[in-house]
Every structure is written in structure tokens, then in C-alpha cells.
Amino acid sequence: MRSFILGSAFAGAALAANSTTLATSTLTTATATTASSSTSATSAAAGLKWFGINLSSAEFGSGTYPGTWGTEFTFPDDTAVSTLISDGYNIFRVAFSMERIVPTELTGAADAAYLANLTETVSHITDSGAYAVLDPHNFGRYYGDIITDTAGFGTFWTTLATAFADNANVIFDTNNEYHDMDQTLVLNLNQAAIDGIRAAGATSQTIFVEGNSYTGAWTWNTTNTNLADLTDPQNLLVYEMHQYLDSDGSGTVEACVSADIGVQRVVGATTWLRDNGKVGIIGEFAGGANDVCESAITGMLDHLAANSDVWTGAMWWAAGPWWGDYIFSFEPPSGTAYTYYNSLLETYTA
């Protein structure tokens, strides 16, 4: 259900260590009938508003704070991002660390240097006409502890949103993959983020809200039903779900369960969105560089496009300059997934 970088350490641009924590999720099989979808990626593409890539590097070195730029973490490479934009991708989810952007406490001031570097990345994306999603990649935690201070969380978001309130191509993502948390708390944290963002004067931008259980699409209709109660005075909420296609949905191995597992794992969420009058996006997805995963990914994306009344798009996990030979790396020009999947995924871009 996720890809989780924990305690990674780097020397310069070379990967020195990367430990991956496996999500332990129980498979919930959707019982809804799979909607028919086009078998042509080209014809399916027209339905999706956003199609893009996660940019992962500024959140690296989890647990080492503040860390050193170039050692524990880095920022996305502008040249690589420009290549992806030229390939047609129009949305980029930029992961960062809450502990680095606001290092003292949730209600504290932003760190000027880290914010400046994040702003440079965001501006590079948005000045090119694409959308930048601000992704505090914290799993509902701050310095390792579950965030329970909803008022403080709202203040954190007011601080951050103030810096981007005038950029119409910025999207705010409340937090990456809440998990193992009280469900009412997840609702309240999302609402506090919405309220904090709007209080900053950021009234024209979209907000992505995420759910519990690593915001998995495959369990959304049984786990996150209370999030239908979220409110936004601007009516600009999008429900962000993640979906991986390996046996436990963790996104940590190359193998996909079957050629049709992609559709199977999102169809229940499609029904939930439509029944509740909401719209969603797959904020993370990936699969190995093999025929089974290619079929599963194509089926899932065609399903999203065929149901574009409730699905706004999808984003691959992930590009970033320090991924090396990571199985899902979408970093141009030689990332494993970029070389295998780019020609397919380009057909889903507008």
C-alpha cells in the first residue's frame, strides 16, 4: 500500500543505505462489478485531468534531523523534472519532511533555507505550466509520534500555505499515508489542514486529503468512510488514494498478483467516490518491469480514465536523483521504470 523510506542515509549523490518497512495489510477484495474500460491507452488518456510522477528525495534521511543537504537528503533535479514535463506529465508530488520545514514545533516558524529550496523546486514545476503537490511525507507523525494536536497541525498548514497562497498551480496534500491511527483523529487532522490552508488565504487551490491504512484504495470503502464528512468552503477537495499491486499492497517487490489486480483493487473505491459525490486521484502507484504488471497497470489506468467523472488522475512512485537501481525508479534517463514504462504512461498524459 505504500513505499516507505525509513532511515535512509546518503553520501553525496550516491545511495549508501535504504531500509524499507513493509506494510502489513489485510487484503480486502472489492465486491463491486468491474466497470468496462477501454483497452486502448490512447483513447483512455483523454479522461484524466492530471497524470504525473512523485518526486522523492527531500524527505530522505528519516530520523536524522535536520540533516545535511547532500548527505541525508537532496532536492529533485530540475533537468530531470524538465524532461518529465517534456514527456507530457503535468503533475508532480513533491515529498518533503515536516521536521525540516518546521523544525521546532508544529506551531513554529518555517526554516528559511529548506523552504527556499522547496520553493525553487515548486516554482520550476509551476513556471513550466505543470502542477506541484506539496506532500509532507510523514505518515501522520511528527518526530516519530502520532500527531494528536489538531490545532497545531492546522497552524503548521497555515504557515506552509501562506508561502504558496499566490501560486494557483500548487496543490496541498494534507499528509502522506496516515496509518494505525484512530479513525476520528484522521478525519480531524484532515479537517484541520483544510481549515488551516484556507485561513492562509489559499482559497483557489485544490487540497488532496488522505486516509488511514496507508490511504489504500483497496480498503478505502471499509476503512475511510467517515472522510466523506470532510468539508471545504471552496469545494476543492480531492480524495488521494495509493495503490500497489504486489501481494500485500506494500509496493516493495516487483511481482504483481495478476494481470487484472489493478482494476480489482480500485473498483470498490470508484463506487465509493461515485456514491458519495466525491472525486479522487491515485497519488501513488507502481509495478515491476514485467508483462504481468504492465497489464495490471494498463487495466487500472484504463479503468480510471473510463471513470473520469470520479477519478482525476494518477501519479507514479517515484522519480528522484538518489534512487539508483530502485525497481520503480522513474528518474530520467535511465531509471528502471522510466525506461520500461515511459512509453506506456506517456499515452495517458493530456
Protein backbone atom coordinates (compact mmCIF):
# COMPACT_ATOMS: atom_id res chain seq x y z
CA MET A 1 0.00 0.00 0.00
CA ARG A 2 2.97 2.29 0.17
CA SER A 3 6.65 2.83 -0.41
CA PHE A 4 8.23 3.95 2.86
CA ILE A 5 11.77 5.29 3.15
CA LEU A 6 12.96 4.91 6.72
CA GLY A 7 16.35 5.90 7.99
CA SER A 8 17.99 6.18 4.58
CA ALA A 9 21.48 7.69 4.55
CA PHE A 10 23.39 9.08 1.62
CA ALA A 11 26.88 10.27 0.75
CA GLY A 12 26.68 12.97 -1.88
CA ALA A 13 24.52 11.67 -4.70
CA ALA A 14 25.33 8.02 -4.02
CA LEU A 15 22.92 5.78 -2.16
CA ALA A 16 24.61 4.38 0.92
CA ALA A 17 21.67 2.69 2.62
CA ASN A 18 17.95 2.26 2.23
CA SER A 19 15.71 0.29 4.54
CA THR A 20 12.13 -0.37 3.55
CA THR A 21 9.42 -1.13 6.06
CA LEU A 22 6.76 -3.48 4.80
CA ALA A 23 3.12 -2.59 5.27
CA THR A 24 1.09 -5.36 6.85
CA SER A 25 -2.36 -5.01 5.36
CA THR A 26 -5.16 -7.49 5.05
CA LEU A 27 -6.43 -7.87 1.51
CA THR A 28 -9.96 -6.58 1.09
CA THR A 29 -11.37 -7.76 -2.21
CA ALA A 30 -13.82 -5.37 -3.84
CA THR A 31 -17.20 -6.94 -4.42
CA ALA A 32 -18.42 -4.38 -6.92
CA THR A 33 -18.55 -5.37 -10.56
CA THR A 34 -15.59 -4.09 -12.55
CA ALA A 35 -16.66 -1.35 -14.92
CA SER A 36 -15.78 -1.98 -18.54
CA SER A 37 -12.86 0.11 -19.71
CA SER A 38 -11.12 0.85 -22.94
CA THR A 39 -8.29 -1.44 -23.95
CA SER A 40 -6.67 1.45 -25.77
CA ALA A 41 -4.47 3.61 -23.59
CA THR A 42 -4.54 6.36 -26.18
CA SER A 43 -8.32 6.60 -26.18
CA ALA A 44 -8.40 6.35 -22.38
CA ALA A 45 -5.99 9.22 -21.92
CA ALA A 46 -8.43 11.99 -22.69
CA GLY A 47 -10.39 11.42 -19.48
CA LEU A 48 -7.66 12.19 -16.92
CA LYS A 49 -7.07 15.79 -15.82
CA TRP A 50 -3.73 15.05 -14.14
CA PHE A 51 -1.12 12.44 -14.87
CA GLY A 52 2.33 12.58 -13.40
CA ILE A 53 5.13 11.47 -11.14
CA ASN A 54 6.13 11.59 -7.48
CA LEU A 55 9.42 13.35 -6.75
CA SER A 56 11.10 11.75 -3.76
CA SER A 57 14.36 12.93 -2.20
CA ALA A 58 13.81 15.89 0.14
CA GLU A 59 12.24 13.54 2.72
CA PHE A 60 15.19 11.09 2.66
CA GLY A 61 17.18 10.51 5.83
CA SER A 62 14.12 9.98 8.00
CA GLY A 63 15.10 10.20 11.66
CA THR A 64 18.16 12.38 11.05
CA TYR A 65 17.02 15.97 11.62
CA PRO A 66 17.69 18.48 10.41
CA GLY A 67 20.20 16.52 8.38
CA THR A 68 22.55 17.91 5.77
CA TRP A 69 21.56 18.67 2.20
CA GLY A 70 23.66 16.42 0.00
CA THR A 71 24.23 13.84 2.74
CA GLU A 72 20.90 12.81 4.29
CA PHE A 73 18.63 14.39 1.70
CA THR A 74 18.58 16.34 -1.53
CA PHE A 75 16.05 18.10 -3.73
CA PRO A 76 14.69 16.96 -7.10
CA ASP A 77 16.87 17.55 -10.13
CA ASP A 78 15.47 20.36 -12.29
CA THR A 79 16.81 18.83 -15.50
CA ALA A 80 15.08 15.53 -14.79
CA VAL A 81 11.84 17.33 -13.98
CA SER A 82 12.07 19.28 -17.23
CA THR A 83 12.49 16.01 -19.11
CA LEU A 84 9.37 14.60 -17.48
CA ILE A 85 7.42 17.75 -18.31
CA SER A 86 8.56 17.50 -21.93
CA ASP A 87 7.34 13.89 -21.88
CA GLY A 88 3.88 15.28 -21.14
CA TYR A 89 3.49 14.76 -17.38
CA ASN A 90 1.56 17.63 -15.82
CA ILE A 91 1.56 16.97 -12.08
CA PHE A 92 4.40 16.28 -9.64
CA ARG A 93 4.01 15.33 -5.99
CA VAL A 94 6.97 16.79 -4.13
CA ALA A 95 7.77 14.90 -0.93
CA PHE A 96 9.38 16.76 1.97
CA SER A 97 9.87 16.45 5.71
CA MET A 98 7.70 18.29 8.23
CA GLU A 99 10.60 18.22 10.70
CA ARG A 100 12.82 20.10 8.26
CA ILE A 101 10.29 22.67 7.04
CA VAL A 102 9.07 23.50 10.59
CA PRO A 103 11.79 22.12 12.87
CA THR A 104 10.90 23.28 16.37
CA GLU A 105 7.21 22.50 16.91
CA LEU A 106 4.05 22.35 14.81
CA THR A 107 3.26 25.97 15.60
CA GLY A 108 6.82 27.16 14.94
CA ALA A 109 8.29 29.19 12.12
CA ALA A 110 9.40 27.73 8.81
CA ASP A 111 13.09 27.05 8.23
CA ALA A 112 14.08 29.66 5.66
CA ALA A 113 16.71 27.62 3.82
CA TYR A 114 14.67 24.43 3.46
CA LEU A 115 11.60 26.42 2.45
CA ALA A 116 13.63 28.32 -0.15
CA ASN A 117 14.86 25.07 -1.71
CA LEU A 118 11.38 23.59 -1.70
CA THR A 119 10.03 26.79 -3.26
CA GLU A 120 12.64 26.61 -6.02
CA THR A 121 11.54 23.08 -6.91
CA VAL A 122 7.87 24.04 -6.83
CA SER A 123 8.45 27.16 -8.93
CA HIS A 124 10.40 25.19 -11.52
CA ILE A 125 7.39 22.90 -11.91
CA THR A 126 4.67 25.53 -11.90
CA ASP A 127 6.54 28.03 -14.07
CA SER A 128 6.51 25.29 -16.70
CA GLY A 129 2.72 25.12 -16.50
CA ALA A 130 2.53 21.88 -14.51
CA TYR A 131 1.06 21.35 -11.03
CA ALA A 132 3.13 20.82 -7.87
CA VAL A 133 1.63 18.84 -4.99
CA LEU A 134 3.12 19.70 -1.60
CA ASP A 135 3.49 16.34 0.16
CA PRO A 136 4.58 16.33 3.82
CA HIS A 137 5.75 12.72 3.75
CA ASN A 138 5.20 12.00 7.43
CA PHE A 139 2.62 9.22 7.78
CA GLY A 140 0.62 11.29 10.27
CA ARG A 141 3.64 11.61 12.55
CA TYR A 142 5.95 14.41 13.71
CA TYR A 143 9.34 13.43 15.11
CA GLY A 144 8.07 9.86 15.15
CA ASP A 145 4.98 10.49 17.27
CA ILE A 146 1.40 10.36 16.00
CA ILE A 147 0.12 13.90 15.57
CA THR A 148 -2.73 14.45 18.01
CA ASP A 149 -2.60 18.25 18.24
CA THR A 150 -5.15 19.10 15.56
CA ALA A 151 -4.94 22.84 16.25
CA GLY A 152 -1.16 22.74 15.93
CA PHE A 153 -1.47 20.76 12.71
CA GLY A 154 -3.79 23.44 11.36
CA THR A 155 -1.24 26.11 12.30
CA PHE A 156 1.51 24.13 10.55
CA TRP A 157 -0.58 24.19 7.40
CA THR A 158 -1.34 27.90 7.71
CA THR A 159 2.41 28.56 7.95
CA LEU A 160 3.19 26.44 4.90
CA ALA A 161 0.22 27.50 2.77
CA THR A 162 0.98 31.18 3.35
CA ALA A 163 4.20 30.73 1.38
CA PHE A 164 2.33 29.30 -1.62
CA ALA A 165 -1.04 31.02 -1.42
CA ASP A 166 -0.45 33.04 -4.59
CA ASN A 167 0.60 30.10 -6.77
CA ALA A 168 -2.50 28.77 -8.50
CA ASN A 169 -0.68 25.62 -9.67
CA VAL A 170 0.15 24.44 -6.15
CA ILE A 171 -1.92 21.64 -4.63
CA PHE A 172 -1.82 20.89 -0.91
CA ASP A 173 -1.68 17.24 0.27
CA THR A 174 -2.58 17.09 3.96
CA ASN A 175 -0.12 14.28 4.86
CA ASN A 176 1.28 11.13 3.35
CA GLU A 177 -0.31 7.81 4.32
CA TYR A 178 -1.85 8.09 7.77
CA HIS A 179 -1.73 4.63 9.30
CA ASP A 180 -2.52 2.77 12.53
CA MET A 181 -4.34 5.80 13.87
CA ASP A 182 -7.73 6.48 15.40
CA GLN A 183 -10.12 6.99 12.51
CA THR A 184 -11.75 10.06 14.02
CA LEU A 185 -8.30 11.59 14.51
CA VAL A 186 -7.55 11.08 10.81
CA LEU A 187 -10.80 12.88 9.98
CA ASN A 188 -9.99 15.73 12.36
CA LEU A 189 -6.40 16.15 11.12
CA ASN A 190 -7.59 16.38 7.54
CA GLN A 191 -10.23 18.94 8.51
CA ALA A 192 -7.69 20.97 10.49
CA ALA A 193 -5.39 21.02 7.47
CA ILE A 194 -8.21 22.17 5.19
CA ASP A 195 -9.16 24.94 7.60
CA GLY A 196 -5.53 25.98 8.12
CA ILE A 197 -4.85 26.18 4.39
CA ARG A 198 -7.92 28.28 3.72
CA ALA A 199 -7.05 30.54 6.69
CA ALA A 200 -3.76 31.33 4.94
CA GLY A 201 -5.67 32.91 2.06
CA ALA A 202 -5.04 29.93 -0.21
CA THR A 203 -8.60 29.82 -1.46
CA SER A 204 -8.21 28.90 -5.12
CA GLN A 205 -6.04 25.78 -4.85
CA THR A 206 -7.08 22.15 -4.68
CA ILE A 207 -6.49 20.17 -1.48
CA PHE A 208 -5.73 16.43 -1.54
CA VAL A 209 -6.94 14.59 1.58
CA GLU A 210 -5.60 11.18 2.56
CA GLY A 211 -6.96 8.31 4.61
CA ASN A 212 -5.93 5.80 7.24
CA SER A 213 -4.42 2.37 6.43
CA TYR A 214 -1.79 3.99 4.20
CA THR A 215 -4.64 5.65 2.22
CA GLY A 216 -5.07 2.41 0.25
CA ALA A 217 -7.71 2.39 -2.47
CA TRP A 218 -8.34 -1.32 -1.91
CA THR A 219 -9.53 -0.79 1.68
CA TRP A 220 -10.96 2.71 1.33
CA ASN A 221 -14.63 1.72 1.22
CA THR A 222 -14.32 -0.20 4.51
CA THR A 223 -11.77 1.94 6.38
CA ASN A 224 -12.18 5.60 5.45
CA THR A 225 -15.92 6.01 5.05
CA ASN A 226 -16.08 8.83 7.64
CA LEU A 227 -13.90 11.04 5.44
CA ALA A 228 -16.97 11.71 3.34
CA ASP A 229 -17.81 14.19 6.12
CA LEU A 230 -14.87 16.49 5.32
CA THR A 231 -15.91 19.98 4.30
CA ASP A 232 -14.21 22.71 2.29
CA PRO A 233 -15.80 26.14 1.77
CA GLN A 234 -14.19 26.24 -1.69
CA ASN A 235 -15.41 22.75 -2.63
CA LEU A 236 -11.97 21.84 -3.99
CA LEU A 237 -11.23 18.55 -2.22
CA VAL A 238 -9.80 15.50 -3.98
CA TYR A 239 -9.52 12.18 -2.15
CA GLU A 240 -5.99 10.85 -2.63
CA MET A 241 -5.56 7.08 -2.54
CA HIS A 242 -2.50 4.92 -3.14
CA GLN A 243 -2.43 1.51 -4.76
CA TYR A 244 0.34 -1.01 -5.28
CA LEU A 245 -0.17 -4.35 -6.93
CA ASP A 246 2.02 -6.83 -5.05
CA SER A 247 0.56 -9.43 -2.71
CA ASP A 248 0.28 -7.25 0.40
CA GLY A 249 -0.08 -3.92 -1.40
CA SER A 250 3.14 -2.57 0.09
CA GLY A 251 4.89 -1.68 -3.17
CA THR A 252 8.12 -3.37 -2.15
CA VAL A 253 8.53 -6.18 -4.70
CA GLU A 254 8.47 -6.37 -8.49
CA ALA A 255 5.79 -9.04 -8.83
CA CYS A 256 2.12 -8.14 -9.32
CA VAL A 257 -0.55 -10.57 -8.14
CA SER A 258 -2.22 -10.93 -11.53
CA ALA A 259 -2.80 -9.15 -14.82
CA ASP A 260 -6.13 -7.76 -13.60
CA ILE A 261 -5.24 -6.92 -10.00
CA GLY A 262 -5.09 -3.20 -10.78
CA VAL A 263 -8.77 -2.95 -11.63
CA GLN A 264 -9.72 -5.28 -8.79
CA ARG A 265 -8.04 -3.06 -6.23
CA VAL A 266 -9.59 0.26 -7.27
CA VAL A 267 -13.12 -0.65 -8.31
CA GLY A 268 -14.51 -0.50 -4.77
CA ALA A 269 -13.08 3.00 -4.35
CA THR A 270 -14.65 4.01 -7.66
CA THR A 271 -18.04 3.01 -6.33
CA TRP A 272 -17.43 4.83 -3.02
CA LEU A 273 -16.46 8.05 -4.78
CA ARG A 274 -19.49 7.98 -7.02
CA ASP A 275 -21.92 7.02 -4.26
CA ASN A 276 -20.65 9.88 -2.08
CA GLY A 277 -20.37 12.54 -4.78
CA LYS A 278 -16.58 12.82 -4.40
CA VAL A 279 -13.60 12.81 -6.75
CA GLY A 280 -10.29 11.03 -6.24
CA ILE A 281 -6.76 10.58 -7.51
CA ILE A 282 -4.30 7.71 -7.26
CA GLY A 283 -1.44 9.59 -5.64
CA GLU A 284 0.98 6.66 -5.74
CA PHE A 285 1.08 3.55 -7.91
CA ALA A 286 3.78 1.35 -9.39
CA GLY A 287 4.59 -2.15 -10.56
CA GLY A 288 7.60 -4.11 -11.67
CA ALA A 289 9.08 -4.05 -15.15
CA ASN A 290 7.36 -7.18 -16.42
CA ASP A 291 4.43 -8.22 -18.60
CA VAL A 292 2.05 -9.09 -15.75
CA CYS A 293 2.49 -5.73 -14.03
CA GLU A 294 2.26 -3.89 -17.34
CA SER A 295 -1.14 -5.49 -17.99
CA ALA A 296 -2.29 -4.78 -14.43
CA ILE A 297 -1.21 -1.14 -14.61
CA THR A 298 -2.79 -0.65 -18.03
CA GLY A 299 -6.05 -2.11 -16.79
CA MET A 300 -6.09 0.09 -13.71
CA LEU A 301 -5.31 3.27 -15.62
CA ASP A 302 -7.87 2.48 -18.30
CA HIS A 303 -10.43 1.98 -15.52
CA LEU A 304 -9.58 5.36 -14.01
CA ALA A 305 -9.92 7.06 -17.39
CA ALA A 306 -13.19 5.29 -18.14
CA ASN A 307 -14.49 6.60 -14.80
CA SER A 308 -13.10 10.11 -15.08
CA ASP A 309 -16.26 11.55 -13.58
CA VAL A 310 -14.80 10.45 -10.22
CA TRP A 311 -11.08 9.94 -10.95
CA THR A 312 -8.94 12.98 -11.78
CA GLY A 313 -5.65 11.20 -12.45
CA ALA A 314 -2.70 9.23 -11.13
CA MET A 315 0.98 9.63 -10.19
CA TRP A 316 3.76 7.05 -10.44
CA TRP A 317 6.02 6.37 -7.46
CA ALA A 318 8.73 7.67 -7.95
CA ALA A 319 11.46 9.77 -9.54
CA GLY A 320 14.39 11.25 -7.66
CA PRO A 321 18.13 11.69 -8.14
CA TRP A 322 19.18 9.20 -5.44
CA TRP A 323 17.07 6.18 -6.37
CA GLY A 324 19.83 4.37 -8.24
CA ASP A 325 18.60 0.96 -9.42
CA TYR A 326 15.38 1.05 -7.34
CA ILE A 327 12.80 -1.18 -9.05
CA PHE A 328 10.27 1.63 -9.53
CA SER A 329 12.68 4.49 -10.30
CA PHE A 330 11.23 6.90 -12.85
CA GLU A 331 14.25 9.18 -12.89
CA PRO A 332 15.27 10.07 -16.47
CA PRO A 333 17.07 8.95 -18.44
CA SER A 334 17.93 5.52 -17.06
CA GLY A 335 15.61 4.70 -14.14
CA THR A 336 14.35 1.11 -14.27
CA ALA A 337 10.69 2.08 -14.52
CA TYR A 338 11.34 5.11 -16.72
CA THR A 339 12.99 3.01 -19.42
CA TYR A 340 10.32 0.30 -19.23
CA TYR A 341 7.11 2.27 -18.65
CA ASN A 342 7.57 5.78 -20.01
CA SER A 343 6.26 4.96 -23.49
CA LEU A 344 3.12 3.46 -21.94
CA LEU A 345 2.49 6.15 -19.35
CA GLU A 346 3.01 8.95 -21.87
CA THR A 347 -0.15 7.77 -23.61
CA TYR A 348 -2.15 8.77 -20.52
CA THR A 349 -0.89 12.35 -20.49
CA ALA A 350 -3.13 15.09 -21.83
